[in-house]
Amino acid sequence: MDYWVYILHCENGNYYTGYTTDLTRRYAEHLAGTAKCKYTRSFKPLELAQSWKIEDGKSTAMKIEQRIKRLSKKEKEKLIADPSLLGYLVKDA
């Protein structure tokens, strides 16, 4: 099964990172405030800033999500601007 790792740009100017099997459904849940995510219920997403299809399964998607979450805001913005940089995070995921 394929997974998606994604970054949302939220109304407070910060980024939210998550993973899912259905990106369209999950984004709609964040927008509607029905996702089980307190952060995006408080700070609505303005846009889907970036996403990556992960073909190596849930475990890899979760590891990548956690690595992105540990990045600084500036590092996340670089990753959004150049999605190919994800390869550096995936090397040992």
N, C-alpha and C. Protein backbone atom coordinates (compact mmCIF):
# COMPACT_ATOMS: atom_id res chain seq x y z
N MET A 1 0.84 -1.18 0.00
CA MET A 1 0.00 0.00 0.00
C MET A 1 0.89 1.25 0.00
N ASP A 2 0.49 2.21 -0.79
CA ASP A 2 1.23 3.48 -0.85
C ASP A 2 0.73 4.45 0.22
N TYR A 3 1.63 5.26 0.71
CA TYR A 3 1.31 6.29 1.69
C TYR A 3 1.75 7.63 1.14
N TRP A 4 1.21 8.68 1.73
CA TRP A 4 1.59 10.05 1.41
C TRP A 4 2.09 10.72 2.67
N VAL A 5 3.18 11.44 2.57
CA VAL A 5 3.64 12.33 3.63
C VAL A 5 3.39 13.72 3.10
N TYR A 6 2.82 14.58 3.92
CA TYR A 6 2.43 15.91 3.44
C TYR A 6 2.74 16.99 4.47
N ILE A 7 2.85 18.21 3.95
CA ILE A 7 3.04 19.38 4.80
C ILE A 7 1.94 20.38 4.46
N LEU A 8 1.23 20.83 5.49
CA LEU A 8 0.20 21.86 5.33
C LEU A 8 0.75 23.19 5.82
N HIS A 9 0.42 24.25 5.11
CA HIS A 9 0.74 25.61 5.58
C HIS A 9 -0.52 26.11 6.28
N CYS A 10 -0.40 26.44 7.55
CA CYS A 10 -1.56 26.80 8.36
C CYS A 10 -1.70 28.31 8.54
N GLU A 11 -2.89 28.73 8.97
CA GLU A 11 -3.21 30.15 9.06
C GLU A 11 -2.34 30.92 10.05
N ASN A 12 -1.68 30.23 10.97
CA ASN A 12 -0.79 30.90 11.92
C ASN A 12 0.63 31.05 11.37
N GLY A 13 0.83 30.62 10.10
CA GLY A 13 2.13 30.74 9.47
C GLY A 13 3.04 29.54 9.68
N ASN A 14 2.62 28.60 10.48
CA ASN A 14 3.42 27.41 10.75
C ASN A 14 3.02 26.26 9.82
N TYR A 15 3.74 25.16 9.95
CA TYR A 15 3.52 24.00 9.09
C TYR A 15 3.10 22.81 9.93
N TYR A 16 2.20 22.02 9.38
CA TYR A 16 1.78 20.77 10.00
C TYR A 16 2.18 19.64 9.06
N THR A 17 2.78 18.59 9.59
CA THR A 17 3.21 17.45 8.80
C THR A 17 2.44 16.21 9.23
N GLY A 18 2.01 15.42 8.25
CA GLY A 18 1.30 14.19 8.55
C GLY A 18 1.52 13.15 7.47
N TYR A 19 0.89 11.99 7.65
CA TYR A 19 0.94 10.95 6.63
C TYR A 19 -0.44 10.31 6.51
N THR A 20 -0.72 9.73 5.36
CA THR A 20 -2.03 9.14 5.11
C THR A 20 -1.96 8.20 3.91
N THR A 21 -3.01 7.40 3.73
CA THR A 21 -3.11 6.57 2.53
C THR A 21 -3.94 7.27 1.46
N ASP A 22 -4.72 8.27 1.86
CA ASP A 22 -5.60 8.98 0.92
C ASP A 22 -5.44 10.49 1.14
N LEU A 23 -4.59 11.09 0.34
CA LEU A 23 -4.26 12.51 0.53
C LEU A 23 -5.46 13.43 0.34
N THR A 24 -6.27 13.17 -0.66
CA THR A 24 -7.44 14.03 -0.93
C THR A 24 -8.41 14.00 0.23
N ARG A 25 -8.73 12.81 0.72
CA ARG A 25 -9.65 12.68 1.85
C ARG A 25 -9.09 13.35 3.09
N ARG A 26 -7.82 13.10 3.37
CA ARG A 26 -7.21 13.64 4.59
C ARG A 26 -7.15 15.16 4.57
N TYR A 27 -6.82 15.73 3.42
CA TYR A 27 -6.79 17.19 3.32
C TYR A 27 -8.19 17.76 3.54
N ALA A 28 -9.19 17.12 2.96
CA ALA A 28 -10.58 17.58 3.15
C ALA A 28 -10.97 17.51 4.63
N GLU A 29 -10.52 16.48 5.33
CA GLU A 29 -10.79 16.36 6.77
C GLU A 29 -10.14 17.50 7.54
N HIS A 30 -8.91 17.84 7.18
CA HIS A 30 -8.23 18.96 7.85
C HIS A 30 -8.99 20.27 7.59
N LEU A 31 -9.41 20.48 6.36
CA LEU A 31 -10.14 21.71 6.03
C LEU A 31 -11.47 21.80 6.77
N ALA A 32 -12.16 20.66 6.88
CA ALA A 32 -13.47 20.64 7.53
C ALA A 32 -13.37 20.62 9.06
N GLY A 33 -12.18 20.37 9.57
CA GLY A 33 -12.00 20.30 11.02
C GLY A 33 -12.47 18.97 11.60
N THR A 34 -12.64 17.96 10.74
CA THR A 34 -13.10 16.66 11.21
C THR A 34 -11.94 15.68 11.42
N ALA A 35 -10.74 16.06 11.03
CA ALA A 35 -9.58 15.19 11.24
C ALA A 35 -9.32 15.10 12.74
N LYS A 36 -8.79 13.97 13.18
CA LYS A 36 -8.46 13.81 14.59
C LYS A 36 -7.14 14.52 14.88
N CYS A 37 -7.13 15.79 14.57
CA CYS A 37 -5.92 16.59 14.69
C CYS A 37 -6.29 17.93 15.34
N LYS A 38 -5.94 18.08 16.58
CA LYS A 38 -6.27 19.30 17.31
C LYS A 38 -5.59 20.52 16.70
N TYR A 39 -4.36 20.32 16.18
CA TYR A 39 -3.61 21.45 15.65
C TYR A 39 -4.34 22.12 14.49
N THR A 40 -4.79 21.33 13.51
CA THR A 40 -5.44 21.94 12.35
C THR A 40 -6.89 22.34 12.63
N ARG A 41 -7.44 21.90 13.74
CA ARG A 41 -8.75 22.43 14.14
C ARG A 41 -8.56 23.83 14.71
N SER A 42 -7.42 24.06 15.37
CA SER A 42 -7.13 25.37 15.94
C SER A 42 -6.57 26.34 14.90
N PHE A 43 -5.72 25.82 14.01
CA PHE A 43 -5.06 26.64 12.99
C PHE A 43 -5.34 26.02 11.63
N LYS A 44 -6.39 26.49 10.98
CA LYS A 44 -6.86 25.92 9.72
C LYS A 44 -5.77 25.94 8.65
N PRO A 45 -5.73 24.89 7.83
CA PRO A 45 -4.77 24.88 6.73
C PRO A 45 -5.16 25.89 5.66
N LEU A 46 -4.16 26.59 5.14
CA LEU A 46 -4.37 27.51 4.02
C LEU A 46 -4.13 26.81 2.70
N GLU A 47 -3.20 25.86 2.72
CA GLU A 47 -2.86 25.14 1.49
C GLU A 47 -2.09 23.87 1.83
N LEU A 48 -2.10 22.97 0.86
CA LEU A 48 -1.22 21.81 0.91
C LEU A 48 0.10 22.29 0.34
N ALA A 49 1.08 22.47 1.21
CA ALA A 49 2.34 23.07 0.79
C ALA A 49 3.18 22.11 -0.04
N GLN A 50 3.18 20.82 0.33
CA GLN A 50 3.97 19.83 -0.40
C GLN A 50 3.52 18.44 0.01
N SER A 51 3.73 17.48 -0.88
CA SER A 51 3.42 16.09 -0.55
C SER A 51 4.33 15.16 -1.34
N TRP A 52 4.53 13.97 -0.79
CA TRP A 52 5.38 12.96 -1.41
C TRP A 52 4.69 11.61 -1.32
N LYS A 53 4.69 10.87 -2.40
CA LYS A 53 4.16 9.51 -2.40
C LYS A 53 5.26 8.58 -1.91
N ILE A 54 4.95 7.80 -0.88
CA ILE A 54 5.90 6.89 -0.27
C ILE A 54 5.46 5.46 -0.60
N GLU A 55 6.26 4.77 -1.35
CA GLU A 55 5.89 3.42 -1.80
C GLU A 55 6.47 2.33 -0.92
N ASP A 56 7.21 2.69 0.11
CA ASP A 56 7.88 1.70 0.96
C ASP A 56 7.08 1.33 2.20
N GLY A 57 5.83 1.72 2.29
CA GLY A 57 4.98 1.31 3.39
C GLY A 57 4.86 2.30 4.53
N LYS A 58 4.02 1.91 5.47
CA LYS A 58 3.67 2.77 6.60
C LYS A 58 4.86 3.12 7.48
N SER A 59 5.69 2.16 7.77
CA SER A 59 6.84 2.40 8.64
C SER A 59 7.74 3.49 8.09
N THR A 60 8.03 3.42 6.80
CA THR A 60 8.87 4.45 6.17
C THR A 60 8.18 5.80 6.19
N ALA A 61 6.89 5.82 5.88
CA ALA A 61 6.13 7.08 5.90
C ALA A 61 6.17 7.72 7.29
N MET A 62 6.02 6.90 8.32
CA MET A 62 6.05 7.42 9.69
C MET A 62 7.43 7.97 10.05
N LYS A 63 8.48 7.28 9.63
CA LYS A 63 9.84 7.76 9.91
C LYS A 63 10.10 9.09 9.22
N ILE A 64 9.67 9.20 7.97
CA ILE A 64 9.86 10.45 7.22
C ILE A 64 9.07 11.58 7.88
N GLU A 65 7.83 11.29 8.26
CA GLU A 65 7.01 12.29 8.94
C GLU A 65 7.72 12.81 10.19
N GLN A 66 8.26 11.91 11.00
CA GLN A 66 8.94 12.32 12.22
C GLN A 66 10.20 13.14 11.94
N ARG A 67 10.92 12.78 10.89
CA ARG A 67 12.12 13.55 10.53
C ARG A 67 11.75 14.95 10.08
N ILE A 68 10.68 15.07 9.31
CA ILE A 68 10.24 16.39 8.86
C ILE A 68 9.78 17.22 10.05
N LYS A 69 9.06 16.60 10.98
CA LYS A 69 8.58 17.32 12.16
C LYS A 69 9.73 17.89 12.99
N ARG A 70 10.88 17.24 12.95
CA ARG A 70 12.03 17.71 13.73
C ARG A 70 12.80 18.84 13.04
N LEU A 71 12.47 19.11 11.78
CA LEU A 71 13.15 20.19 11.06
C LEU A 71 12.70 21.55 11.58
N SER A 72 13.56 22.54 11.43
CA SER A 72 13.18 23.91 11.76
C SER A 72 12.22 24.43 10.68
N LYS A 73 11.57 25.53 10.97
CA LYS A 73 10.66 26.13 9.99
C LYS A 73 11.42 26.46 8.70
N LYS A 74 12.61 27.00 8.84
CA LYS A 74 13.42 27.36 7.68
C LYS A 74 13.78 26.12 6.85
N GLU A 75 14.12 25.03 7.52
CA GLU A 75 14.44 23.78 6.82
C GLU A 75 13.20 23.21 6.11
N LYS A 76 12.05 23.32 6.75
CA LYS A 76 10.80 22.86 6.11
C LYS A 76 10.52 23.69 4.86
N GLU A 77 10.76 24.99 4.94
CA GLU A 77 10.53 25.85 3.77
C GLU A 77 11.47 25.49 2.63
N LYS A 78 12.70 25.11 2.93
CA LYS A 78 13.63 24.65 1.89
C LYS A 78 13.13 23.36 1.26
N LEU A 79 12.63 22.45 2.08
CA LEU A 79 12.11 21.18 1.60
C LEU A 79 10.87 21.39 0.73
N ILE A 80 10.03 22.33 1.10
CA ILE A 80 8.84 22.65 0.31
C ILE A 80 9.26 23.23 -1.04
N ALA A 81 10.24 24.11 -1.02
CA ALA A 81 10.71 24.75 -2.25
C ALA A 81 11.43 23.78 -3.18
N ASP A 82 12.11 22.79 -2.59
CA ASP A 82 12.85 21.80 -3.37
C ASP A 82 12.50 20.40 -2.85
N PRO A 83 11.39 19.83 -3.33
CA PRO A 83 10.93 18.54 -2.83
C PRO A 83 11.94 17.40 -2.99
N SER A 84 12.89 17.54 -3.89
CA SER A 84 13.88 16.48 -4.08
C SER A 84 14.79 16.32 -2.87
N LEU A 85 14.84 17.32 -2.00
CA LEU A 85 15.65 17.23 -0.79
C LEU A 85 15.16 16.14 0.15
N LEU A 86 13.94 15.67 -0.06
CA LEU A 86 13.41 14.59 0.77
C LEU A 86 14.31 13.36 0.71
N GLY A 87 14.98 13.18 -0.42
CA GLY A 87 15.88 12.05 -0.58
C GLY A 87 16.92 11.97 0.52
N TYR A 88 17.36 13.10 1.03
CA TYR A 88 18.35 13.11 2.11
C TYR A 88 17.75 12.60 3.42
N LEU A 89 16.44 12.82 3.60
CA LEU A 89 15.78 12.34 4.81
C LEU A 89 15.45 10.87 4.71
N VAL A 90 15.28 10.38 3.50
CA VAL A 90 14.83 9.01 3.26
C VAL A 90 15.97 8.00 3.30
N LYS A 91 17.18 8.45 3.09
CA LYS A 91 18.34 7.54 2.98
C LYS A 91 18.32 6.41 3.98
N ASP A 92 18.16 6.72 5.27
CA ASP A 92 18.18 5.66 6.26
C ASP A 92 16.82 5.48 6.92
N ALA A 93 15.77 5.87 6.24
CA ALA A 93 14.43 5.72 6.82
C ALA A 93 14.00 4.27 6.79
